[in-house]
Amino acid sequence: MAMAEPDWLTWTRELQAIAQTGLTFVRDPYDRERYEMLRALASRIMAAHTAAPAARIEALFAGESGYATPKVDVRGAAFDDQGRLLMVREVADGGRWTLPGGWADVNLTAAESVIKEMREESGLVVSVRKLAAVWDRTRQGHSPGVFSCCKLFFICDIMGGTAATGPETSEVGWFAESGLPDDLSLGRVLSGQLRRMFVHACAADLPTEFD
């Protein structure tokens, strides 16, 4: 089931973004100090609601620079000749099922990134057929994350390779729409999103979805 994001996380993320962007353009040393205090405040608020120490969170925030924008996550939906959806178990999330994918890489297009992730996580070589959806993680109801995130879902065609796990995956599986797994990695995919991939795979002219 999709999770509702707590208000404190939305507010903390916004405070961090204001501080990050402010520190990028600030000239006055006193204003710089204020933005640093704001970043520290955001760290303490998050620490108060999680098990992570404030110093660790502040170090994470301090590692972000430049104008604050959402991170980009890419996911690939590929199907076999029986119309079953390719999914993998993510080692990092307790072995839960997801579409192959991950953060988009620098110097690669989003499509190139999803091709790379598909190969690394499933062993299969794919080509990208269409961009099916551009969804905001928070608006979709995913499990909460520290940073704002934009999720790109691609329909892919299998061109070659052999199904095999990689360093980040423990199993590769194929699922019919009527038999999708219950133990999904909800920070990565939701059951409703998977069902939309079946629709897009069958409807080449269906426009890209967005929220």
Protein backbone atom coordinates (compact mmCIF):
# COMPACT_ATOMS: atom_id res chain seq x y z
CA MET A 1 0.00 0.00 0.00
CA ALA A 2 1.29 3.47 -0.87
CA MET A 3 2.42 5.57 2.08
CA ALA A 4 1.31 9.10 2.87
CA GLU A 5 4.29 11.38 3.36
CA PRO A 6 4.39 13.13 6.77
CA ASP A 7 4.23 16.92 6.79
CA TRP A 8 7.49 17.22 8.73
CA LEU A 9 9.38 15.50 5.89
CA THR A 10 7.87 17.79 3.25
CA TRP A 11 8.77 20.85 5.32
CA THR A 12 12.29 19.58 6.11
CA ARG A 13 12.98 18.86 2.45
CA GLU A 14 11.82 22.37 1.55
CA LEU A 15 14.02 23.94 4.24
CA GLN A 16 17.02 21.99 2.96
CA ALA A 17 16.33 23.07 -0.63
CA ILE A 18 16.03 26.74 0.40
CA ALA A 19 19.30 26.49 2.31
CA GLN A 20 21.10 24.71 -0.54
CA THR A 21 19.96 27.19 -3.18
CA GLY A 22 20.67 30.13 -0.88
CA LEU A 23 24.21 28.95 -0.22
CA THR A 24 24.76 28.62 -3.97
CA PHE A 25 24.01 32.28 -4.71
CA VAL A 26 24.71 34.08 -1.43
CA ARG A 27 27.30 36.87 -1.32
CA ASP A 28 26.83 38.37 2.11
CA PRO A 29 28.75 36.40 4.83
CA TYR A 30 25.97 37.00 7.36
CA ASP A 31 23.38 35.58 4.99
CA ARG A 32 25.65 32.58 4.40
CA GLU A 33 25.69 31.95 8.12
CA ARG A 34 21.89 32.15 8.23
CA TYR A 35 21.53 29.62 5.38
CA GLU A 36 23.96 27.29 7.16
CA MET A 37 21.85 27.62 10.31
CA LEU A 38 18.75 26.82 8.27
CA ARG A 39 20.42 23.69 6.90
CA ALA A 40 21.41 22.65 10.40
CA LEU A 41 17.83 23.20 11.57
CA ALA A 42 16.51 20.98 8.77
CA SER A 43 19.01 18.31 9.87
CA ARG A 44 17.86 18.47 13.50
CA ILE A 45 14.20 18.23 12.51
CA MET A 46 14.86 15.14 10.41
CA ALA A 47 17.01 13.60 13.16
CA ALA A 48 14.20 14.11 15.65
CA HIS A 49 11.89 11.96 13.52
CA THR A 50 14.39 9.28 12.46
CA ALA A 51 17.11 7.12 13.97
CA ALA A 52 19.90 8.96 12.14
CA PRO A 53 22.10 11.46 14.06
CA ALA A 54 21.79 15.12 13.10
CA ALA A 55 25.51 15.35 12.21
CA ARG A 56 25.17 12.56 9.68
CA ILE A 57 22.10 14.14 8.10
CA GLU A 58 23.76 17.55 7.96
CA ALA A 59 26.77 15.99 6.22
CA LEU A 60 24.38 14.46 3.68
CA PHE A 61 22.74 17.83 3.10
CA ALA A 62 26.10 19.59 2.90
CA GLY A 63 27.10 17.21 0.10
CA GLU A 64 24.37 18.73 -2.09
CA SER A 65 25.31 21.92 -3.90
CA GLY A 66 23.96 24.14 -6.64
CA TYR A 67 20.35 25.07 -7.27
CA ALA A 68 18.22 22.43 -5.56
CA THR A 69 16.32 20.27 -8.09
CA PRO A 70 14.69 16.83 -7.90
CA LYS A 71 16.85 13.76 -8.38
CA VAL A 72 16.04 11.59 -11.40
CA ASP A 73 15.18 7.90 -11.07
CA VAL A 74 14.74 5.72 -14.17
CA ARG A 75 12.78 2.44 -14.41
CA GLY A 76 12.49 0.04 -17.34
CA ALA A 77 9.48 -2.15 -18.13
CA ALA A 78 10.25 -5.04 -20.48
CA PHE A 79 8.04 -7.99 -21.40
CA ASP A 80 8.67 -11.53 -22.64
CA ASP A 81 6.84 -13.22 -25.52
CA GLN A 82 4.11 -14.31 -23.10
CA GLY A 83 3.41 -10.71 -22.10
CA ARG A 84 4.96 -11.09 -18.65
CA LEU A 85 6.74 -8.18 -16.96
CA LEU A 86 10.41 -8.40 -16.04
CA MET A 87 11.16 -7.65 -12.38
CA VAL A 88 14.16 -8.04 -10.07
CA ARG A 89 14.71 -8.45 -6.35
CA GLU A 90 16.75 -5.56 -4.92
CA VAL A 91 19.40 -6.64 -2.42
CA ALA A 92 19.42 -3.18 -0.82
CA ASP A 93 15.73 -3.32 0.09
CA GLY A 94 15.50 -6.66 1.81
CA GLY A 95 14.94 -8.61 -1.38
CA ARG A 96 11.78 -6.85 -2.48
CA TRP A 97 10.65 -6.79 -6.11
CA THR A 98 10.95 -3.80 -8.42
CA LEU A 99 11.44 -2.83 -12.03
CA PRO A 100 15.13 -2.67 -12.95
CA GLY A 101 16.44 0.85 -12.64
CA GLY A 102 18.13 3.43 -10.43
CA TRP A 103 19.48 6.95 -10.42
CA ALA A 104 20.17 8.48 -13.83
CA ASP A 105 23.90 8.78 -14.48
CA VAL A 106 25.84 11.91 -15.32
CA ASN A 107 26.80 12.13 -19.02
CA LEU A 108 24.13 9.59 -20.00
CA THR A 109 20.67 10.42 -21.27
CA ALA A 110 17.75 9.07 -19.27
CA ALA A 111 17.19 6.41 -21.94
CA GLU A 112 20.86 5.41 -21.90
CA SER A 113 20.72 5.21 -18.11
CA VAL A 114 17.76 2.82 -18.10
CA ILE A 115 19.43 0.61 -20.73
CA LYS A 116 22.53 0.46 -18.52
CA GLU A 117 20.50 -0.34 -15.39
CA MET A 118 18.52 -3.05 -17.17
CA ARG A 119 21.70 -4.77 -18.30
CA GLU A 120 23.39 -4.52 -14.89
CA GLU A 121 20.40 -5.68 -12.84
CA SER A 122 18.78 -8.28 -15.12
CA GLY A 123 21.47 -9.34 -17.60
CA LEU A 124 19.26 -8.37 -20.53
CA VAL A 125 20.10 -5.96 -23.35
CA VAL A 126 17.17 -3.71 -24.23
CA SER A 127 16.23 -0.81 -26.45
CA VAL A 128 13.86 1.93 -25.36
CA ARG A 129 10.53 2.06 -27.18
CA LYS A 130 8.76 4.92 -25.38
CA LEU A 131 8.64 7.09 -22.29
CA ALA A 132 5.51 5.87 -20.53
CA ALA A 133 5.38 8.12 -17.47
CA VAL A 134 7.06 10.97 -15.59
CA TRP A 135 5.89 10.82 -11.99
CA ASP A 136 6.81 12.69 -8.82
CA ARG A 137 7.71 10.24 -6.05
CA THR A 138 5.87 12.16 -3.36
CA ARG A 139 2.70 12.78 -5.40
CA GLN A 140 2.53 9.09 -6.29
CA GLY A 141 2.56 8.00 -2.65
CA HIS A 142 5.87 6.16 -2.48
CA SER A 143 7.57 5.46 0.82
CA PRO A 144 9.21 8.73 2.02
CA GLY A 145 12.64 9.78 0.79
CA VAL A 146 15.07 12.46 1.93
CA PHE A 147 15.22 14.33 -1.37
CA SER A 148 12.62 15.25 -3.97
CA CYS A 149 12.62 12.76 -6.85
CA CYS A 150 11.27 12.62 -10.40
CA LYS A 151 10.67 9.07 -11.68
CA LEU A 152 10.84 8.19 -15.40
CA PHE A 153 9.27 4.93 -16.57
CA PHE A 154 10.27 3.54 -19.98
CA ILE A 155 8.79 0.71 -22.05
CA CYS A 156 11.70 -1.37 -23.33
CA ASP A 157 12.15 -4.15 -25.88
CA ILE A 158 14.48 -7.06 -25.18
CA MET A 159 17.20 -7.28 -27.82
CA GLY A 160 19.50 -9.92 -26.33
CA GLY A 161 21.38 -11.10 -23.28
CA THR A 162 20.45 -13.76 -20.73
CA ALA A 163 18.42 -13.21 -17.59
CA ALA A 164 20.88 -13.10 -14.67
CA THR A 165 21.29 -11.30 -11.36
CA GLY A 166 23.86 -8.58 -10.78
CA PRO A 167 25.63 -7.10 -7.74
CA GLU A 168 22.45 -5.25 -6.70
CA THR A 169 19.90 -7.99 -7.40
CA SER A 170 19.25 -11.47 -6.00
CA GLU A 171 16.61 -12.81 -8.40
CA VAL A 172 15.10 -12.14 -11.82
CA GLY A 173 11.45 -13.01 -12.45
CA TRP A 174 8.62 -12.66 -14.97
CA PHE A 175 5.11 -11.76 -13.85
CA ALA A 176 1.70 -11.67 -15.48
CA GLU A 177 -0.51 -8.70 -14.62
CA SER A 178 -2.78 -11.01 -12.63
CA GLY A 179 0.12 -12.35 -10.57
CA LEU A 180 2.26 -9.37 -9.59
CA PRO A 181 4.28 -9.91 -6.39
CA ASP A 182 2.99 -8.50 -3.10
CA ASP A 183 6.39 -7.69 -1.62
CA LEU A 184 7.20 -4.64 -3.73
CA SER A 185 9.97 -2.17 -3.03
CA LEU A 186 7.57 0.72 -2.46
CA GLY A 187 10.27 3.36 -2.63
CA ARG A 188 10.86 2.26 -6.22
CA VAL A 189 7.56 1.05 -7.69
CA LEU A 190 3.88 0.81 -6.82
CA SER A 191 1.40 -1.82 -8.04
CA GLY A 192 -0.67 0.81 -9.87
CA GLN A 193 2.40 1.95 -11.78
CA LEU A 194 3.19 -1.62 -12.82
CA ARG A 195 -0.33 -2.06 -14.14
CA ARG A 196 0.04 1.11 -16.20
CA MET A 197 3.15 -0.39 -17.79
CA PHE A 198 1.06 -3.29 -19.12
CA VAL A 199 -1.33 -0.75 -20.66
CA HIS A 200 1.47 1.28 -22.25
CA ALA A 201 3.16 -1.83 -23.62
CA CYS A 202 -0.02 -2.64 -25.56
CA ALA A 203 -0.82 0.92 -26.65
CA ALA A 204 2.06 2.43 -28.57
CA ASP A 205 0.20 5.72 -29.17
CA LEU A 206 -0.82 6.27 -25.55
CA PRO A 207 0.60 9.64 -24.42
CA THR A 208 3.20 9.87 -21.69
CA GLU A 209 1.57 10.16 -18.27
CA PHE A 210 2.59 12.82 -15.75
CA ASP A 211 1.37 14.37 -12.53
